[in-house]
C-alpha atoms as a PDB file:
ATOM      1  CA  UNK A   1      -0.121   0.144   0.214  1.00  0.00           C
ATOM      2  CA  UNK A   2       1.590   3.618  -0.791  1.00  0.00           C
ATOM      3  CA  UNK A   3       2.371   5.948   1.565  1.00  0.00           C
ATOM      4  CA  UNK A   4       0.336   8.490   2.665  1.00  0.00           C
ATOM      5  CA  UNK A   5       2.575  11.597   3.099  1.00  0.00           C
ATOM      6  CA  UNK A   6       2.212  14.389   5.768  1.00  0.00           C
ATOM      7  CA  UNK A   7       1.813  18.238   4.590  1.00  0.00           C
ATOM      8  CA  UNK A   8       5.970  17.946   3.553  1.00  0.00           C
ATOM      9  CA  UNK A   9       7.579  14.736   3.520  1.00  0.00           C
ATOM     10  CA  UNK A  10      11.007  16.877   3.852  1.00  0.00           C
ATOM     11  CA  UNK A  11       9.917  18.675   7.079  1.00  0.00           C
ATOM     12  CA  UNK A  12      10.366  17.059  10.486  1.00  0.00           C
ATOM     13  CA  UNK A  13       6.990  17.965  12.224  1.00  0.00           C
ATOM     14  CA  UNK A  14       7.174  18.293  16.268  1.00  0.00           C
ATOM     15  CA  UNK A  15       5.893  15.826  18.995  1.00  0.00           C
ATOM     16  CA  UNK A  16       5.610  15.651  22.376  1.00  0.00           C
ATOM     17  CA  UNK A  17       6.922  12.603  24.365  1.00  0.00           C
ATOM     18  CA  UNK A  18       3.654  11.546  26.386  1.00  0.00           C
ATOM     19  CA  UNK A  19       4.450   8.045  28.011  1.00  0.00           C
ATOM     20  CA  UNK A  20       7.738   6.159  27.891  1.00  0.00           C
ATOM     21  CA  UNK A  21       7.773   1.832  28.662  1.00  0.00           C
ATOM     22  CA  UNK A  22      10.802   0.387  29.108  1.00  0.00           C
ATOM     23  CA  UNK A  23      10.560  -3.123  27.276  1.00  0.00           C
ATOM     24  CA  UNK A  24      13.732  -4.197  28.470  1.00  0.00           C
ATOM     25  CA  UNK A  25      17.277  -3.092  28.844  1.00  0.00           C
ATOM     26  CA  UNK A  26      17.979  -2.101  25.892  1.00  0.00           C
ATOM     27  CA  UNK A  27      14.545  -1.690  23.887  1.00  0.00           C
ATOM     28  CA  UNK A  28      11.779   1.232  24.970  1.00  0.00           C
ATOM     29  CA  UNK A  29       8.687   2.159  24.019  1.00  0.00           C
ATOM     30  CA  UNK A  30       7.749   5.926  23.262  1.00  0.00           C
ATOM     31  CA  UNK A  31       4.204   7.416  22.709  1.00  0.00           C
ATOM     32  CA  UNK A  32       4.089  11.134  21.043  1.00  0.00           C
ATOM     33  CA  UNK A  33       1.428  13.564  20.406  1.00  0.00           C
ATOM     34  CA  UNK A  34       2.371  15.978  17.416  1.00  0.00           C
ATOM     35  CA  UNK A  35       2.869  19.669  19.146  1.00  0.00           C
ATOM     36  CA  UNK A  36       0.731  21.190  15.887  1.00  0.00           C
ATOM     37  CA  UNK A  37      -3.130  20.086  16.633  1.00  0.00           C
ATOM     38  CA  UNK A  38      -3.733  20.441  12.794  1.00  0.00           C
ATOM     39  CA  UNK A  39      -0.697  17.941  11.734  1.00  0.00           C
ATOM     40  CA  UNK A  40      -1.832  15.599  14.360  1.00  0.00           C
ATOM     41  CA  UNK A  41      -5.245  15.331  12.814  1.00  0.00           C
ATOM     42  CA  UNK A  42      -4.580  14.715   9.789  1.00  0.00           C
ATOM     43  CA  UNK A  43      -2.015  12.532   9.705  1.00  0.00           C
ATOM     44  CA  UNK A  44      -2.635   8.779   8.632  1.00  0.00           C
ATOM     45  CA  UNK A  45      -0.848   5.699   8.415  1.00  0.00           C
ATOM     46  CA  UNK A  46      -0.999   1.766   7.420  1.00  0.00           C
ATOM     47  CA  UNK A  47       0.389  -1.123   9.694  1.00  0.00           C
ATOM     48  CA  UNK A  48       3.753  -1.939   8.198  1.00  0.00           C
ATOM     49  CA  UNK A  49       4.699   2.161   7.788  1.00  0.00           C
ATOM     50  CA  UNK A  50       7.677   3.694   9.266  1.00  0.00           C
ATOM     51  CA  UNK A  51       8.670   7.332  10.272  1.00  0.00           C
ATOM     52  CA  UNK A  52      12.060   9.172   9.893  1.00  0.00           C
ATOM     53  CA  UNK A  53      12.327   9.923  14.097  1.00  0.00           C
ATOM     54  CA  UNK A  54      14.743  13.101  14.311  1.00  0.00           C
ATOM     55  CA  UNK A  55      16.868  14.302  16.893  1.00  0.00           C
ATOM     56  CA  UNK A  56      18.116  17.983  16.371  1.00  0.00           C
ATOM     57  CA  UNK A  57      21.314  18.337  16.294  1.00  0.00           C
ATOM     58  CA  UNK A  58      22.178  14.447  15.967  1.00  0.00           C
ATOM     59  CA  UNK A  59      20.089  13.330  12.569  1.00  0.00           C
ATOM     60  CA  UNK A  60      17.138  10.540  12.137  1.00  0.00           C
ATOM     61  CA  UNK A  61      16.644   7.017  11.969  1.00  0.00           C
ATOM     62  CA  UNK A  62      13.714   4.744  10.174  1.00  0.00           C
ATOM     63  CA  UNK A  63      11.370   3.472  12.900  1.00  0.00           C
ATOM     64  CA  UNK A  64       8.250   1.124  12.613  1.00  0.00           C
ATOM     65  CA  UNK A  65       4.798   2.672  14.013  1.00  0.00           C
ATOM     66  CA  UNK A  66       3.563   0.140  16.167  1.00  0.00           C
ATOM     67  CA  UNK A  67       0.136   1.937  17.323  1.00  0.00           C
ATOM     68  CA  UNK A  68      -2.991   0.977  15.736  1.00  0.00           C
ATOM     69  CA  UNK A  69      -4.180   3.415  12.637  1.00  0.00           C
ATOM     70  CA  UNK A  70      -7.520   3.772  14.345  1.00  0.00           C
ATOM     71  CA  UNK A  71      -5.609   5.289  17.651  1.00  0.00           C
ATOM     72  CA  UNK A  72      -5.649   9.082  17.470  1.00  0.00           C
ATOM     73  CA  UNK A  73      -4.401   9.606  20.590  1.00  0.00           C
ATOM     74  CA  UNK A  74      -1.088   8.416  20.573  1.00  0.00           C
ATOM     75  CA  UNK A  75       1.710   7.599  17.826  1.00  0.00           C
ATOM     76  CA  UNK A  76       3.610   4.886  19.090  1.00  0.00           C
ATOM     77  CA  UNK A  77       7.192   3.492  18.256  1.00  0.00           C
ATOM     78  CA  UNK A  78       9.180   0.725  19.772  1.00  0.00           C
ATOM     79  CA  UNK A  79      13.182   1.510  19.837  1.00  0.00           C
ATOM     80  CA  UNK A  80      15.967  -0.562  20.126  1.00  0.00           C
ATOM     81  CA  UNK A  81      19.129   1.295  21.599  1.00  0.00           C
ATOM     82  CA  UNK A  82      21.898   0.664  19.247  1.00  0.00           C
ATOM     83  CA  UNK A  83      23.764   3.765  18.390  1.00  0.00           C
ATOM     84  CA  UNK A  84      24.389   7.500  19.141  1.00  0.00           C
ATOM     85  CA  UNK A  85      20.614   8.306  18.097  1.00  0.00           C
ATOM     86  CA  UNK A  86      18.620   5.605  19.776  1.00  0.00           C
ATOM     87  CA  UNK A  87      20.898   6.038  22.564  1.00  0.00           C
ATOM     88  CA  UNK A  88      20.048   9.616  22.596  1.00  0.00           C
ATOM     89  CA  UNK A  89      16.240   8.804  22.437  1.00  0.00           C
ATOM     90  CA  UNK A  90      16.729   6.563  25.136  1.00  0.00           C
ATOM     91  CA  UNK A  91      17.329   9.228  27.070  1.00  0.00           C
ATOM     92  CA  UNK A  92      14.014  11.118  26.215  1.00  0.00           C
ATOM     93  CA  UNK A  93      12.010  12.343  29.194  1.00  0.00           C
ATOM     94  CA  UNK A  94       7.809  12.950  29.120  1.00  0.00           C
ATOM     95  CA  UNK A  95       7.636  16.720  27.828  1.00  0.00           C
ATOM     96  CA  UNK A  96      10.183  16.508  25.584  1.00  0.00           C
ATOM     97  CA  UNK A  97       9.827  16.774  21.602  1.00  0.00           C
ATOM     98  CA  UNK A  98      11.438  15.029  18.963  1.00  0.00           C
ATOM     99  CA  UNK A  99      11.153  15.240  14.854  1.00  0.00           C
ATOM    100  CA  UNK A 100       8.764  13.219  12.774  1.00  0.00           C
ATOM    101  CA  UNK A 101       8.821  12.940   8.947  1.00  0.00           C
ATOM    102  CA  UNK A 102       6.668  10.105   7.601  1.00  0.00           C
ATOM    103  CA  UNK A 103       4.441   7.997   7.122  1.00  0.00           C
ATOM    104  CA  UNK A 104       7.002   6.155   4.536  1.00  0.00           C
ATOM    105  CA  UNK A 105       6.755   2.401   2.535  1.00  0.00           C
ATOM    106  CA  UNK A 106       4.159   0.193   2.066  1.00  0.00           C
ATOM    107  CA  UNK A 107       2.525  -1.508   4.633  1.00  0.00           C
ATOM    108  CA  UNK A 108       1.598  -4.694   5.668  1.00  0.00           C
ATOM    109  CA  UNK A 109      -1.890  -6.432   2.982  1.00  0.00           C
ATOM    110  CA  UNK A 110      -4.468  -6.424   5.791  1.00  0.00           C
ATOM    111  CA  UNK A 111      -6.824  -5.775   3.273  1.00  0.00           C
ATOM    112  CA  UNK A 112      -6.043  -8.393   1.246  1.00  0.00           C
ATOM    113  CA  UNK A 113      -6.257 -10.811   4.479  1.00  0.00           C
ATOM    114  CA  UNK A 114      -9.750  -9.700   5.248  1.00  0.00           C
ATOM    115  CA  UNK A 115     -11.542 -13.121   6.033  1.00  0.00           C
ATOM    116  CA  UNK A 116      -8.510 -15.297   5.728  1.00  0.00           C
ATOM    117  CA  UNK A 117      -6.585 -17.495   7.948  1.00  0.00           C
ATOM    118  CA  UNK A 118      -3.284 -15.402   8.993  1.00  0.00           C
ATOM    119  CA  UNK A 119       0.138 -16.599  10.483  1.00  0.00           C
ATOM    120  CA  UNK A 120       2.564 -13.659  11.726  1.00  0.00           C
ATOM    121  CA  UNK A 121       6.074 -15.033  12.536  1.00  0.00           C
ATOM    122  CA  UNK A 122       8.656 -12.889  14.135  1.00  0.00           C
ATOM    123  CA  UNK A 123      12.367 -12.595  15.247  1.00  0.00           C
ATOM    124  CA  UNK A 124      14.273 -10.461  17.508  1.00  0.00           C
ATOM    125  CA  UNK A 125      13.191  -6.821  17.635  1.00  0.00           C
ATOM    126  CA  UNK A 126      10.823  -7.878  14.429  1.00  0.00           C
ATOM    127  CA  UNK A 127       8.151  -8.474  16.536  1.00  0.00           C
ATOM    128  CA  UNK A 128       7.694  -4.293  16.793  1.00  0.00           C
ATOM    129  CA  UNK A 129       6.862  -4.173  13.426  1.00  0.00           C
ATOM    130  CA  UNK A 130       4.312  -7.103  13.413  1.00  0.00           C
ATOM    131  CA  UNK A 131       2.844  -5.883  16.428  1.00  0.00           C
ATOM    132  CA  UNK A 132       0.603  -3.649  14.175  1.00  0.00           C
ATOM    133  CA  UNK A 133      -0.182  -6.570  12.554  1.00  0.00           C
ATOM    134  CA  UNK A 134      -1.771  -8.249  15.439  1.00  0.00           C
ATOM    135  CA  UNK A 135      -3.219  -5.175  17.143  1.00  0.00           C
ATOM    136  CA  UNK A 136      -5.079  -4.246  13.544  1.00  0.00           C
ATOM    137  CA  UNK A 137      -6.346  -7.827  13.705  1.00  0.00           C
ATOM    138  CA  UNK A 138      -7.614  -8.196  17.037  1.00  0.00           C
ATOM    139  CA  UNK A 139      -9.099  -4.412  16.957  1.00  0.00           C
ATOM    140  CA  UNK A 140     -11.559  -6.568  13.908  1.00  0.00           C
ATOM    141  CA  UNK A 141     -11.626  -9.585  14.869  1.00  0.00           C
ATOM    142  CA  UNK A 142     -14.442 -10.893  13.188  1.00  0.00           C
ATOM    143  CA  UNK A 143     -12.854  -9.615   9.685  1.00  0.00           C
ATOM    144  CA  UNK A 144     -10.195 -12.150   9.879  1.00  0.00           C
ATOM    145  CA  UNK A 145     -10.001 -16.133  10.433  1.00  0.00           C
ATOM    146  CA  UNK A 146      -7.818 -18.327  12.497  1.00  0.00           C
ATOM    147  CA  UNK A 147      -4.529 -16.749  13.747  1.00  0.00           C
ATOM    148  CA  UNK A 148      -1.358 -18.091  14.453  1.00  0.00           C
ATOM    149  CA  UNK A 149       1.499 -15.801  16.011  1.00  0.00           C
ATOM    150  CA  UNK A 150       5.113 -17.067  16.170  1.00  0.00           C
ATOM    151  CA  UNK A 151       8.158 -15.341  18.357  1.00  0.00           C
ATOM    152  CA  UNK A 152      11.665 -16.132  18.391  1.00  0.00           C
ATOM    153  CA  UNK A 153      13.809 -14.232  20.506  1.00  0.00           C
ATOM    154  CA  UNK A 154      17.636 -15.007  20.704  1.00  0.00           C
ATOM    155  CA  UNK A 155      17.284 -15.309  24.566  1.00  0.00           C
ATOM    156  CA  UNK A 156      14.306 -15.461  27.177  1.00  0.00           C
ATOM    157  CA  UNK A 157      15.565 -12.457  28.539  1.00  0.00           C
ATOM    158  CA  UNK A 158      14.930 -10.151  25.166  1.00  0.00           C
ATOM    159  CA  UNK A 159      11.359 -11.289  25.520  1.00  0.00           C
ATOM    160  CA  UNK A 160       9.113  -8.022  25.430  1.00  0.00           C
ATOM    161  CA  UNK A 161       5.831  -7.633  25.482  1.00  0.00           C
ATOM    162  CA  UNK A 162       4.370  -9.893  28.105  1.00  0.00           C
ATOM    163  CA  UNK A 163       1.486  -8.252  28.214  1.00  0.00           C
ATOM    164  CA  UNK A 164       0.269  -7.855  25.078  1.00  0.00           C
ATOM    165  CA  UNK A 165       0.798 -11.903  24.607  1.00  0.00           C
ATOM    166  CA  UNK A 166      -1.126 -12.204  27.824  1.00  0.00           C
ATOM    167  CA  UNK A 167      -3.826 -10.610  26.462  1.00  0.00           C
ATOM    168  CA  UNK A 168      -3.902 -11.816  22.744  1.00  0.00           C
ATOM    169  CA  UNK A 169      -3.835 -15.450  23.880  1.00  0.00           C
ATOM    170  CA  UNK A 170      -7.206 -14.929  25.364  1.00  0.00           C
ATOM    171  CA  UNK A 171      -8.531 -13.926  21.629  1.00  0.00           C
ATOM    172  CA  UNK A 172     -10.447 -16.438  20.045  1.00  0.00           C
ATOM    173  CA  UNK A 173      -9.336 -18.813  17.062  1.00  0.00           C
ATOM    174  CA  UNK A 174      -5.741 -17.394  18.326  1.00  0.00           C
ATOM    175  CA  UNK A 175      -2.723 -19.645  19.055  1.00  0.00           C
ATOM    176  CA  UNK A 176       1.042 -18.444  20.024  1.00  0.00           C
ATOM    177  CA  UNK A 177       4.114 -20.044  19.941  1.00  0.00           C
ATOM    178  CA  UNK A 178       6.848 -18.851  21.627  1.00  0.00           C
ATOM    179  CA  UNK A 179      10.502 -19.767  21.330  1.00  0.00           C
ATOM    180  CA  UNK A 180      14.236 -18.895  22.868  1.00  0.00           C
ATOM    181  CA  UNK A 181      17.322 -19.862  21.040  1.00  0.00           C
ATOM    182  CA  UNK A 182      18.576 -19.718  24.949  1.00  0.00           C
ATOM    183  CA  UNK A 183      16.210 -19.711  27.413  1.00  0.00           C
ATOM    184  CA  UNK A 184      16.130 -19.228  31.519  1.00  0.00           C
ATOM    185  CA  UNK A 185      15.743 -21.491  34.417  1.00  0.00           C
ATOM    186  CA  UNK A 186      11.705 -20.048  34.710  1.00  0.00           C
ATOM    187  CA  UNK A 187      11.409 -20.038  30.950  1.00  0.00           C
ATOM    188  CA  UNK A 188       7.767 -21.407  30.541  1.00  0.00           C
ATOM    189  CA  UNK A 189       7.593 -21.566  26.953  1.00  0.00           C
ATOM    190  CA  UNK A 190       9.848 -23.174  23.582  1.00  0.00           C
ATOM    191  CA  UNK A 191      13.273 -23.767  23.103  1.00  0.00           C
ATOM    192  CA  UNK A 192      14.923 -23.559  19.709  1.00  0.00           C
ATOM    193  CA  UNK A 193      14.461 -22.227  16.680  1.00  0.00           C
ATOM    194  CA  UNK A 194      10.809 -20.194  15.684  1.00  0.00           C
ATOM    195  CA  UNK A 195      10.753 -22.215  12.576  1.00  0.00           C
ATOM    196  CA  UNK A 196      10.563 -25.193  14.037  1.00  0.00           C
ATOM    197  CA  UNK A 197       7.033 -24.122  15.464  1.00  0.00           C
ATOM    198  CA  UNK A 198       5.433 -23.661  12.115  1.00  0.00           C
ATOM    199  CA  UNK A 199       4.344 -27.852  12.080  1.00  0.00           C
ATOM    200  CA  UNK A 200       1.774 -27.086  14.893  1.00  0.00           C
ATOM    201  CA  UNK A 201       0.039 -24.392  13.259  1.00  0.00           C
ATOM    202  CA  UNK A 202      -3.557 -24.650  12.356  1.00  0.00           C
ATOM    203  CA  UNK A 203      -4.079 -22.425   9.117  1.00  0.00           C
ATOM    204  CA  UNK A 204      -5.632 -23.371   5.847  1.00  0.00           C
ATOM    205  CA  UNK A 205      -3.149 -23.219   3.211  1.00  0.00           C
ATOM    206  CA  UNK A 206      -5.839 -22.509   0.703  1.00  0.00           C
ATOM    207  CA  UNK A 207      -6.961 -19.766   2.475  1.00  0.00           C
ATOM    208  CA  UNK A 208      -4.090 -17.894   4.428  1.00  0.00           C
ATOM    209  CA  UNK A 209      -1.777 -14.781   4.307  1.00  0.00           C
ATOM    210  CA  UNK A 210       1.379 -15.264   6.112  1.00  0.00           C
ATOM    211  CA  UNK A 211       3.676 -11.470   7.334  1.00  0.00           C
ATOM    212  CA  UNK A 212       6.770 -12.023   9.005  1.00  0.00           C
ATOM    213  CA  UNK A 213       9.639  -9.903   9.975  1.00  0.00           C
ATOM    214  CA  UNK A 214      12.865 -10.444  11.349  1.00  0.00           C
ATOM    215  CA  UNK A 215      16.526 -12.002  10.508  1.00  0.00           C
ATOM    216  CA  UNK A 216      16.569 -12.593   6.405  1.00  0.00           C
ATOM    217  CA  UNK A 217      18.054 -16.438   7.485  1.00  0.00           C
ATOM    218  CA  UNK A 218      14.973 -17.133  10.001  1.00  0.00           C
ATOM    219  CA  UNK A 219      12.823 -15.400   7.332  1.00  0.00           C
ATOM    220  CA  UNK A 220      13.858 -17.828   4.553  1.00  0.00           C
ATOM    221  CA  UNK A 221      13.402 -20.722   6.756  1.00  0.00           C
ATOM    222  CA  UNK A 222       9.838 -19.904   7.313  1.00  0.00           C
ATOM    223  CA  UNK A 223       9.366 -19.450   3.896  1.00  0.00           C
ATOM    224  CA  UNK A 224      10.288 -22.899   2.827  1.00  0.00           C
ATOM    225  CA  UNK A 225       8.577 -24.244   6.638  1.00  0.00           C
ATOM    226  CA  UNK A 226       5.484 -22.168   4.862  1.00  0.00           C
ATOM    227  CA  UNK A 227       5.765 -23.944   1.197  1.00  0.00           C
ATOM    228  CA  UNK A 228       5.654 -27.605   2.892  1.00  0.00           C
ATOM    229  CA  UNK A 229       2.543 -26.886   4.129  1.00  0.00           C
ATOM    230  CA  UNK A 230       1.154 -25.951   1.683  1.00  0.00           C
ATOM    231  CA  UNK A 231       0.947 -22.220   1.106  1.00  0.00           C
ATOM    232  CA  UNK A 232       1.667 -20.527  -1.891  1.00  0.00           C
ATOM    233  CA  UNK A 233       4.495 -18.423  -2.219  1.00  0.00           C
ATOM    234  CA  UNK A 234       2.524 -15.103  -3.969  1.00  0.00           C
ATOM    235  CA  UNK A 235       0.555 -15.584   0.213  1.00  0.00           C
ATOM    236  CA  UNK A 236       3.523 -15.277   1.684  1.00  0.00           C
ATOM    237  CA  UNK A 237       5.049 -11.159   2.929  1.00  0.00           C
ATOM    238  CA  UNK A 238       8.373  -9.921   4.487  1.00  0.00           C
ATOM    239  CA  UNK A 239       9.250  -6.720   6.047  1.00  0.00           C
ATOM    240  CA  UNK A 240      12.795  -5.974   4.803  1.00  0.00           C
ATOM    241  CA  UNK A 241      15.859  -3.936   6.625  1.00  0.00           C
ATOM    242  CA  UNK A 242      18.117  -1.842   5.103  1.00  0.00           C
ATOM    243  CA  UNK A 243      19.821   1.425   5.938  1.00  0.00           C
ATOM    244  CA  UNK A 244      17.208   3.734   5.400  1.00  0.00           C
ATOM    245  CA  UNK A 245      18.565   7.548   5.330  1.00  0.00           C
ATOM    246  CA  UNK A 246      15.738   9.453   3.543  1.00  0.00           C
ATOM    247  CA  UNK A 247      12.579   7.546   3.771  1.00  0.00           C
ATOM    248  CA  UNK A 248      12.356   8.581   0.210  1.00  0.00           C
ATOM    249  CA  UNK A 249      14.191   6.704  -2.289  1.00  0.00           C
ATOM    250  CA  UNK A 250      16.370   9.572  -3.242  1.00  0.00           C
ATOM    251  CA  UNK A 251      19.795   8.744  -1.210  1.00  0.00           C
ATOM    252  CA  UNK A 252      20.060   5.361  -2.279  1.00  0.00           C
ATOM    253  CA  UNK A 253      21.367   3.631   0.885  1.00  0.00           C
ATOM    254  CA  UNK A 254      18.644   0.896   0.698  1.00  0.00           C
ATOM    255  CA  UNK A 255      18.573  -0.174  -2.679  1.00  0.00           C
ATOM    256  CA  UNK A 256      18.173  -3.600  -3.223  1.00  0.00           C
ATOM    257  CA  UNK A 257      18.732  -4.462  -6.771  1.00  0.00           C
ATOM    258  CA  UNK A 258      16.060  -2.283  -8.351  1.00  0.00           C
ATOM    259  CA  UNK A 259      14.149  -1.288  -5.664  1.00  0.00           C
ATOM    260  CA  UNK A 260      14.361   0.460  -2.610  1.00  0.00           C
ATOM    261  CA  UNK A 261      13.481  -0.760   0.918  1.00  0.00           C
ATOM    262  CA  UNK A 262      12.321   2.543   1.973  1.00  0.00           C
ATOM    263  CA  UNK A 263       9.400   3.484  -0.676  1.00  0.00           C
ATOM    264  CA  UNK A 264       8.580   0.404  -2.727  1.00  0.00           C
ATOM    265  CA  UNK A 265       9.236  -1.660   0.600  1.00  0.00           C
ATOM    266  CA  UNK A 266       9.689  -2.109   3.569  1.00  0.00           C
ATOM    267  CA  UNK A 267       7.107  -5.008   3.090  1.00  0.00           C
ATOM    268  CA  UNK A 268       7.334  -7.392  -0.121  1.00  0.00           C
ATOM    269  CA  UNK A 269       5.302 -10.403  -1.170  1.00  0.00           C
ATOM    270  CA  UNK A 270       7.990 -12.959  -1.492  1.00  0.00           C
ATOM    271  CA  UNK A 271       7.896 -13.884  -5.313  1.00  0.00           C
ATOM    272  CA  UNK A 272       9.083  -9.830  -5.852  1.00  0.00           C
ATOM    273  CA  UNK A 273      12.045 -10.251  -3.712  1.00  0.00           C
ATOM    274  CA  UNK A 274      12.843 -14.039  -4.678  1.00  0.00           C
ATOM    275  CA  UNK A 275      15.365 -13.872  -6.886  1.00  0.00           C
ATOM    276  CA  UNK A 276      17.510 -11.516  -4.904  1.00  0.00           C
ATOM    277  CA  UNK A 277      16.664 -12.783  -1.615  1.00  0.00           C
ATOM    278  CA  UNK A 278      18.430 -16.217  -2.360  1.00  0.00           C
ATOM    279  CA  UNK A 279      21.606 -14.299  -4.165  1.00  0.00           C
ATOM    280  CA  UNK A 280      24.523 -13.805  -1.458  1.00  0.00           C
ATOM    281  CA  UNK A 281      25.633  -9.939  -0.840  1.00  0.00           C
ATOM    282  CA  UNK A 282      22.175  -8.723  -1.389  1.00  0.00           C
END
């Protein structure tokens, strides 16, 4: 789905931090409100799109939107502290301001998935872009079929969104599978790779769409496992990650063969990138 730009996609609009949630030692969520009421009122996005988040004097980074499009009160982003900009964001306090440009990119195929079973496969912080899928379905549960959510983490301490998963588990026609490569002593779920749990899913391969985000090796293995269960490749969607520095396909940093992740993605149907995806170096 194409981006829905604001008044000027080149201009960062000021947002105020209204809430901060610490998800883990290195991951946090910011709830934002545009300081200009007219911008806040006009801003629209689709699940799977991202914003360029701007720290004055430092620069900007591409961060997925995790809130639901129907939530008009706040705009939420979950961020991992991995560099100078994101570490500075981690020091923000309620009332501080940050710049936002966007939204950018092509989001998840939520309209195409209407009436169908949905399989969501995530690994690592790939769960953040996938939250928008799950929240969207949960708020419109009657519009979708069976939902399988598969979440993998490297270590059990990396597991975030515990409260969200507890709430999602209570939803009808919903199965949740969680696995850690390395599990602590009190880890209540599975140990191993998330892709090994695809065999436990209950989707109808003739009427299902899969959406996944995470490490590319994980997604490649998930594509093979889903295909073995009878899912057509054209019904598998991947959210790709590259160094996106402008969000508009101008800088070229996220070029992927003949496409740009920022404006042609980040969500792609698997057949559209299959050739490149299996080519080492891309």
